[in-house]
C-alpha atoms as a PDB file:
ATOM      1  CA  MET A   1       5.707 -28.323 -15.355  1.00  0.00           C
ATOM      2  CA  THR A   2       3.661 -27.902 -12.167  1.00  0.00           C
ATOM      3  CA  ARG A   3       5.560 -26.668  -9.144  1.00  0.00           C
ATOM      4  CA  GLU A   4       5.457 -28.949  -6.103  1.00  0.00           C
ATOM      5  CA  ILE A   5       4.067 -27.258  -3.010  1.00  0.00           C
ATOM      6  CA  THR A   6       4.237 -28.589   0.526  1.00  0.00           C
ATOM      7  CA  GLU A   7       1.213 -28.753   2.796  1.00  0.00           C
ATOM      8  CA  LYS A   8       2.984 -26.368   5.190  1.00  0.00           C
ATOM      9  CA  ARG A   9       3.406 -23.760   2.459  1.00  0.00           C
ATOM     10  CA  LYS A  10      -0.241 -24.175   1.417  1.00  0.00           C
ATOM     11  CA  GLN A  11      -1.341 -23.557   4.999  1.00  0.00           C
ATOM     12  CA  ARG A  12       0.841 -20.455   5.205  1.00  0.00           C
ATOM     13  CA  ILE A  13      -0.618 -19.070   1.962  1.00  0.00           C
ATOM     14  CA  ASP A  14      -4.156 -19.842   3.162  1.00  0.00           C
ATOM     15  CA  GLN A  15      -3.515 -17.988   6.447  1.00  0.00           C
ATOM     16  CA  VAL A  16      -2.053 -14.957   4.674  1.00  0.00           C
ATOM     17  CA  LEU A  17      -4.861 -14.720   2.128  1.00  0.00           C
ATOM     18  CA  ALA A  18      -7.478 -14.930   4.885  1.00  0.00           C
ATOM     19  CA  LYS A  19      -6.039 -11.725   6.371  1.00  0.00           C
ATOM     20  CA  ARG A  20      -5.317  -9.789   3.165  1.00  0.00           C
ATOM     21  CA  GLN A  21      -6.995  -6.370   3.164  1.00  0.00           C
ATOM     22  CA  ASN A  22      -8.256  -5.530  -0.315  1.00  0.00           C
ATOM     23  CA  ASP A  23      -9.648  -2.166   0.823  1.00  0.00           C
ATOM     24  CA  LEU A  24      -6.358  -0.738   2.128  1.00  0.00           C
ATOM     25  CA  THR A  25      -3.807   0.353  -0.463  1.00  0.00           C
ATOM     26  CA  MET A  26      -0.872   2.628  -1.114  1.00  0.00           C
ATOM     27  CA  VAL A  27      -0.208   4.770  -4.170  1.00  0.00           C
ATOM     28  CA  MET A  28       3.449   5.398  -4.941  1.00  0.00           C
ATOM     29  CA  ASP A  29       3.605   8.811  -6.555  1.00  0.00           C
ATOM     30  CA  ASN A  30       6.734   8.855  -8.733  1.00  0.00           C
ATOM     31  CA  ILE A  31       8.881   7.276  -6.005  1.00  0.00           C
ATOM     32  CA  TRP A  32      12.198   7.236  -7.818  1.00  0.00           C
ATOM     33  CA  ASP A  33      14.364   4.961  -5.652  1.00  0.00           C
ATOM     34  CA  PRO A  34      13.690   1.263  -6.400  1.00  0.00           C
ATOM     35  CA  HIS A  35      15.025   0.338  -2.938  1.00  0.00           C
ATOM     36  CA  ASN A  36      12.309   2.509  -1.391  1.00  0.00           C
ATOM     37  CA  VAL A  37       9.663   0.932  -3.629  1.00  0.00           C
ATOM     38  CA  SER A  38      10.829  -2.562  -2.638  1.00  0.00           C
ATOM     39  CA  ALA A  39      10.804  -1.625   1.052  1.00  0.00           C
ATOM     40  CA  VAL A  40       7.262  -0.234   0.758  1.00  0.00           C
ATOM     41  CA  LEU A  41       6.131  -3.479  -0.902  1.00  0.00           C
ATOM     42  CA  ARG A  42       7.675  -5.455   1.933  1.00  0.00           C
ATOM     43  CA  SER A  43       5.772  -3.382   4.504  1.00  0.00           C
ATOM     44  CA  CYS A  44       2.570  -3.784   2.511  1.00  0.00           C
ATOM     45  CA  ASP A  45       3.002  -7.552   2.572  1.00  0.00           C
ATOM     46  CA  ALA A  46       3.776  -7.523   6.304  1.00  0.00           C
ATOM     47  CA  PHE A  47       0.654  -5.502   7.150  1.00  0.00           C
ATOM     48  CA  GLY A  48      -1.669  -7.502   4.920  1.00  0.00           C
ATOM     49  CA  VAL A  49      -2.159  -5.069   2.034  1.00  0.00           C
ATOM     50  CA  TYR A  50      -3.329  -6.892  -1.091  1.00  0.00           C
ATOM     51  CA  GLY A  51      -2.357  -4.442  -3.832  1.00  0.00           C
ATOM     52  CA  VAL A  52      -0.650  -1.131  -4.498  1.00  0.00           C
ATOM     53  CA  HIS A  53      -0.882   1.492  -7.212  1.00  0.00           C
ATOM     54  CA  LEU A  54       2.172   2.866  -8.985  1.00  0.00           C
ATOM     55  CA  TYR A  55       1.661   6.343 -10.425  1.00  0.00           C
ATOM     56  CA  TYR A  56       4.635   7.145 -12.662  1.00  0.00           C
ATOM     57  CA  THR A  57       4.681  10.179 -14.925  1.00  0.00           C
ATOM     58  CA  THR A  58       7.980  11.940 -14.188  1.00  0.00           C
ATOM     59  CA  SER A  59      10.180   9.319 -12.534  1.00  0.00           C
ATOM     60  CA  GLU A  60      11.595   6.253 -14.248  1.00  0.00           C
ATOM     61  CA  TRP A  61       9.710   3.003 -13.693  1.00  0.00           C
ATOM     62  CA  PRO A  62      11.467   1.306 -10.739  1.00  0.00           C
ATOM     63  CA  ASP A  63      13.613  -1.726 -11.488  1.00  0.00           C
ATOM     64  CA  LEU A  64      12.750  -4.043  -8.623  1.00  0.00           C
ATOM     65  CA  ALA A  65      15.830  -6.168  -8.118  1.00  0.00           C
ATOM     66  CA  LYS A  66      15.828  -9.739  -6.856  1.00  0.00           C
ATOM     67  CA  LYS A  67      16.721  -9.146  -3.221  1.00  0.00           C
ATOM     68  CA  SER A  68      15.026  -9.916   0.079  1.00  0.00           C
ATOM     69  CA  SER A  69      12.726  -6.877   0.144  1.00  0.00           C
ATOM     70  CA  ALA A  70      12.081  -7.129  -3.595  1.00  0.00           C
ATOM     71  CA  SER A  71      10.798 -10.682  -3.104  1.00  0.00           C
ATOM     72  CA  ALA A  72       7.646  -9.161  -1.587  1.00  0.00           C
ATOM     73  CA  LYS A  73       6.679  -7.966  -5.060  1.00  0.00           C
ATOM     74  CA  LYS A  74       5.346 -11.396  -6.010  1.00  0.00           C
ATOM     75  CA  TRP A  75       2.842 -11.271  -3.128  1.00  0.00           C
ATOM     76  CA  ILE A  76       1.563  -7.743  -3.808  1.00  0.00           C
ATOM     77  CA  GLN A  77      -0.628  -6.932  -6.792  1.00  0.00           C
ATOM     78  CA  ARG A  78       0.748  -3.880  -8.605  1.00  0.00           C
ATOM     79  CA  THR A  79      -1.320  -1.633 -10.852  1.00  0.00           C
ATOM     80  CA  ARG A  80       0.406   0.996 -12.974  1.00  0.00           C
ATOM     81  CA  HIS A  81      -1.153   4.399 -13.686  1.00  0.00           C
ATOM     82  CA  VAL A  82      -0.199   7.408 -15.794  1.00  0.00           C
ATOM     83  CA  ASP A  83      -3.444   9.426 -15.486  1.00  0.00           C
ATOM     84  CA  ALA A  84      -4.157  11.008 -12.097  1.00  0.00           C
ATOM     85  CA  ALA A  85      -7.853  11.704 -12.624  1.00  0.00           C
ATOM     86  CA  SER A  86      -8.774   8.211 -13.812  1.00  0.00           C
ATOM     87  CA  MET A  87      -6.766   6.583 -10.990  1.00  0.00           C
ATOM     88  CA  VAL A  88      -8.453   8.762  -8.359  1.00  0.00           C
ATOM     89  CA  ASP A  89     -11.890   8.213  -9.929  1.00  0.00           C
ATOM     90  CA  ASP A  90     -11.311   4.457  -9.824  1.00  0.00           C
ATOM     91  CA  LEU A  91     -10.247   4.521  -6.160  1.00  0.00           C
ATOM     92  CA  ARG A  92     -13.168   6.739  -5.183  1.00  0.00           C
ATOM     93  CA  GLY A  93     -15.448   4.442  -7.169  1.00  0.00           C
ATOM     94  CA  GLN A  94     -14.339   1.666  -4.793  1.00  0.00           C
ATOM     95  CA  GLY A  95     -15.530   3.835  -1.897  1.00  0.00           C
ATOM     96  CA  MET A  96     -12.044   4.729  -0.717  1.00  0.00           C
ATOM     97  CA  GLN A  97     -11.028   7.763   1.252  1.00  0.00           C
ATOM     98  CA  ILE A  98      -7.831   9.054  -0.348  1.00  0.00           C
ATOM     99  CA  LEU A  99      -5.104  10.663   1.751  1.00  0.00           C
ATOM    100  CA  ARG A 100      -1.761  12.084   0.686  1.00  0.00           C
ATOM    101  CA  THR A 101       1.382  12.606   2.703  1.00  0.00           C
ATOM    102  CA  GLY A 102       2.540  16.192   3.207  1.00  0.00           C
ATOM    103  CA  PHE A 103       3.240  19.091   5.523  1.00  0.00           C
ATOM    104  CA  SER A 104       0.884  21.913   4.584  1.00  0.00           C
ATOM    105  CA  GLU A 105      -0.998  23.943   7.212  1.00  0.00           C
ATOM    106  CA  THR A 106      -4.094  21.817   6.645  1.00  0.00           C
ATOM    107  CA  ALA A 107      -2.282  18.481   7.117  1.00  0.00           C
ATOM    108  CA  ARG A 108      -3.509  16.391  10.049  1.00  0.00           C
ATOM    109  CA  PRO A 109      -1.682  13.731  12.077  1.00  0.00           C
ATOM    110  CA  VAL A 110      -1.943  10.095  11.043  1.00  0.00           C
ATOM    111  CA  THR A 111      -3.689   9.164  14.302  1.00  0.00           C
ATOM    112  CA  VAL A 112      -6.817  11.261  13.617  1.00  0.00           C
ATOM    113  CA  PHE A 113      -7.826   9.316  10.513  1.00  0.00           C
ATOM    114  CA  ASP A 114     -10.124   6.298  10.562  1.00  0.00           C
ATOM    115  CA  PHE A 115      -8.273   3.529   8.741  1.00  0.00           C
ATOM    116  CA  THR A 116     -11.070   1.037   9.240  1.00  0.00           C
ATOM    117  CA  LYS A 117     -12.662   2.786   6.264  1.00  0.00           C
ATOM    118  CA  PRO A 118     -11.543   1.715   2.781  1.00  0.00           C
ATOM    119  CA  THR A 119      -8.392   3.806   2.346  1.00  0.00           C
ATOM    120  CA  ALA A 120      -5.763   4.706  -0.239  1.00  0.00           C
ATOM    121  CA  ILE A 121      -2.652   6.551   0.927  1.00  0.00           C
ATOM    122  CA  ILE A 122      -0.565   8.469  -1.599  1.00  0.00           C
ATOM    123  CA  LEU A 123       3.146   8.379  -0.772  1.00  0.00           C
ATOM    124  CA  SER A 124       4.708  11.492  -2.241  1.00  0.00           C
ATOM    125  CA  ASN A 125       7.966  11.695  -4.205  1.00  0.00           C
ATOM    126  CA  GLU A 126      11.086  11.820  -2.021  1.00  0.00           C
ATOM    127  CA  HIS A 127      12.211  15.237  -3.316  1.00  0.00           C
ATOM    128  CA  ARG A 128       9.307  17.021  -5.007  1.00  0.00           C
ATOM    129  CA  GLY A 129       6.427  15.970  -2.793  1.00  0.00           C
ATOM    130  CA  THR A 130       2.987  15.205  -4.207  1.00  0.00           C
ATOM    131  CA  SER A 131       2.567  15.606  -7.952  1.00  0.00           C
ATOM    132  CA  PRO A 132       0.632  18.858  -8.574  1.00  0.00           C
ATOM    133  CA  GLU A 133      -2.119  17.095 -10.523  1.00  0.00           C
ATOM    134  CA  LEU A 134      -2.762  14.802  -7.526  1.00  0.00           C
ATOM    135  CA  ALA A 135      -2.494  17.598  -4.957  1.00  0.00           C
ATOM    136  CA  GLU A 136      -5.219  19.479  -6.834  1.00  0.00           C
ATOM    137  CA  ILE A 137      -7.755  16.696  -6.477  1.00  0.00           C
ATOM    138  CA  ILE A 138      -6.757  15.172  -3.102  1.00  0.00           C
ATOM    139  CA  PRO A 139      -7.363  17.716  -0.319  1.00  0.00           C
ATOM    140  CA  ASP A 140      -6.804  15.432   2.690  1.00  0.00           C
ATOM    141  CA  GLU A 141      -3.184  15.534   3.797  1.00  0.00           C
ATOM    142  CA  ILE A 142      -1.625  13.300   6.425  1.00  0.00           C
ATOM    143  CA  TYR A 143       1.602  13.615   8.398  1.00  0.00           C
ATOM    144  CA  ILE A 144       3.487  11.679  11.075  1.00  0.00           C
ATOM    145  CA  PRO A 145       4.185  13.776  14.203  1.00  0.00           C
ATOM    146  CA  MET A 146       7.940  14.145  14.800  1.00  0.00           C
ATOM    147  CA  HIS A 147       9.908  15.681  17.664  1.00  0.00           C
ATOM    148  CA  GLY A 148      13.401  16.018  16.253  1.00  0.00           C
ATOM    149  CA  MET A 149      15.335  18.375  13.987  1.00  0.00           C
ATOM    150  CA  VAL A 150      14.713  16.302  10.870  1.00  0.00           C
ATOM    151  CA  GLN A 151      11.378  17.178   9.258  1.00  0.00           C
ATOM    152  CA  SER A 152      10.510  13.973   7.428  1.00  0.00           C
ATOM    153  CA  PHE A 153      11.011  10.232   7.406  1.00  0.00           C
ATOM    154  CA  ASN A 154      12.343   8.235   4.499  1.00  0.00           C
ATOM    155  CA  VAL A 155       9.327   7.388   2.329  1.00  0.00           C
ATOM    156  CA  SER A 156       9.557   3.657   3.060  1.00  0.00           C
ATOM    157  CA  VAL A 157       9.752   4.301   6.813  1.00  0.00           C
ATOM    158  CA  ALA A 158       6.763   6.651   6.571  1.00  0.00           C
ATOM    159  CA  ALA A 159       4.817   3.957   4.721  1.00  0.00           C
ATOM    160  CA  ALA A 160       5.565   1.420   7.479  1.00  0.00           C
ATOM    161  CA  ILE A 161       4.494   3.832  10.237  1.00  0.00           C
ATOM    162  CA  ILE A 162       1.243   4.722   8.465  1.00  0.00           C
ATOM    163  CA  LEU A 163       0.500   1.062   7.770  1.00  0.00           C
ATOM    164  CA  TYR A 164       1.225   0.190  11.396  1.00  0.00           C
ATOM    165  CA  GLU A 165      -1.369   2.747  12.519  1.00  0.00           C
ATOM    166  CA  ALA A 166      -3.858   1.420   9.956  1.00  0.00           C
ATOM    167  CA  SER A 167      -3.256  -2.211  10.931  1.00  0.00           C
ATOM    168  CA  THR A 168      -3.551  -1.408  14.646  1.00  0.00           C
ATOM    169  CA  GLN A 169      -6.948   0.189  14.084  1.00  0.00           C
ATOM    170  CA  ARG A 170      -8.070  -2.685  11.887  1.00  0.00           C
ATOM    171  CA  GLU A 171      -6.787  -5.295  14.351  1.00  0.00           C
ATOM    172  CA  ARG A 172      -8.778  -3.648  17.163  1.00  0.00           C
ATOM    173  CA  ALA A 173     -11.868  -3.679  14.944  1.00  0.00           C
ATOM    174  CA  GLY A 174     -11.405  -7.408  14.211  1.00  0.00           C
ATOM    175  CA  MET A 175     -10.922  -6.769  10.496  1.00  0.00           C
ATOM    176  CA  TYR A 176      -8.093  -9.291  10.127  1.00  0.00           C
ATOM    177  CA  ASP A 177     -10.420 -11.999  11.432  1.00  0.00           C
ATOM    178  CA  VAL A 178     -12.876 -11.653   8.551  1.00  0.00           C
ATOM    179  CA  PRO A 179     -11.645 -12.216   4.966  1.00  0.00           C
ATOM    180  CA  THR A 180     -12.154  -9.223   2.678  1.00  0.00           C
ATOM    181  CA  PHE A 181     -12.414 -11.512  -0.347  1.00  0.00           C
ATOM    182  CA  SER A 182     -15.347 -13.775  -1.165  1.00  0.00           C
ATOM    183  CA  GLU A 183     -14.885 -17.554  -0.890  1.00  0.00           C
ATOM    184  CA  ASP A 184     -14.684 -17.815  -4.682  1.00  0.00           C
ATOM    185  CA  GLU A 185     -12.064 -15.060  -4.846  1.00  0.00           C
ATOM    186  CA  ILE A 186     -10.026 -16.741  -2.105  1.00  0.00           C
ATOM    187  CA  GLU A 187     -10.085 -20.057  -3.964  1.00  0.00           C
ATOM    188  CA  GLU A 188      -8.984 -18.353  -7.168  1.00  0.00           C
ATOM    189  CA  LEU A 189      -6.161 -16.563  -5.350  1.00  0.00           C
ATOM    190  CA  LYS A 190      -5.046 -19.796  -3.664  1.00  0.00           C
ATOM    191  CA  THR A 191      -4.668 -21.477  -7.044  1.00  0.00           C
ATOM    192  CA  GLU A 192      -2.647 -18.523  -8.296  1.00  0.00           C
ATOM    193  CA  TRP A 193      -0.463 -18.217  -5.193  1.00  0.00           C
ATOM    194  CA  TYR A 194       0.220 -21.959  -4.912  1.00  0.00           C
ATOM    195  CA  ALA A 195       1.910 -21.726  -8.329  1.00  0.00           C
ATOM    196  CA  ARG A 196       4.215 -18.848  -7.355  1.00  0.00           C
END
């Protein structure tokens, strides 16, 4: 049975797809709390990210419940990975700069990075930080400057702040005004999204 879709909903989907950024992504590195994963997906949807990567080797695969923030999952493509090297090779093969969150002496603030470049941001595990196998092959570390006693944000809050910086840079560069998908890809995605 084909789902009925209103013209208003079609227009909304068309507008969203026209602004989707297929060269900006997040990698969730063993993020164990499904509420955090859902909140990250919601931020990704809000800032026009097309797809995310889920790297799970030590944490349980997140059960994304049917709640308001979890509803974003149907609008975000999710790709699962269990091999760090092949995931990183694939992202680099797409011409992406890869950054990871962290607090080492070589970490640089989020504002110094150019997010108009194709970019993948690795969000580290809430308790253990970046998986060692990823830390070994991703030298560029990013942090959000803070001025309080607490040393880190919740991972979903950090994701939203980083994506806000990225979207601000991209907005200034006019990147949301030019679709990142070809016309054929957009038409294919419309067909798919209209049925959701």
